[in-house]
Amino acid sequence: MPERKPVSLEVLSTIVAGLTFAVIAATAIAAIVQLRHLRASNQMNALLALMQLWESPEMQRYFQYTFNELPKKLKDPEFLAVYGAGALSRTDHPELLVADYWEQIGAYAKHGLFDEASWLDIASAQVLRSWQVLEPIVAARRNSDGNQATFENFEYLAVRATLWNRRYPNGNWRRGLPRMADLDKS
């Protein structure tokens, strides 16, 4: 039987360094996976919080007012002139709470604080409907204070919603996935 030579310190050191590298690499990969899961969880929580506020009875009253009553009032030049007069009470003008809501969401979207695609898939139509009704108010506020940044995040969100709807004019259905009507035929 041949005699075994002892492993040199250099070889042993190289093996230990390689194993150490493998452990550190595995730890780094696990950390990246955990960070992705944490980010997804945080974004889901943000979306749920926004949905909860959107669906609250109080916010729904503001939306109903904005969509149903406000368009009639905006036909009156005197009513629209009020928006150029300076600070307005959100109590007297609940439509501004709707604009504030979209302004806040637009800021979150612009800074990547939640998954914009998920939100637009859910709410792009509502964003655009709100913008269409509230655009004259935004313009009046901008004209009165000379600040084009007034409600700029709301406008940002409306632009993103417009682009989303152009990209998905028939909805964002997954390619290759049949519709229920297709399943009923088979």
Foldseek 3Di string as FASTA:
>chain_A
DDDDDDDDPVVVVVVVVVVVVVVVVVVVVVVVVVVVVVLQVQQVVVVVVLVVVCPDPVNVVLLCCLLPPQVVVVVDPVSLLVLLVDDDDCVVVVLVVVLVSLLVVLVCVVVVSHDLVVCLLPCLVVLQSSCVSCVSSLVSNCVNVVDNCRSVSSVNSNVVSVVVCVVVVPGDDDPPDDDVVVVVVD
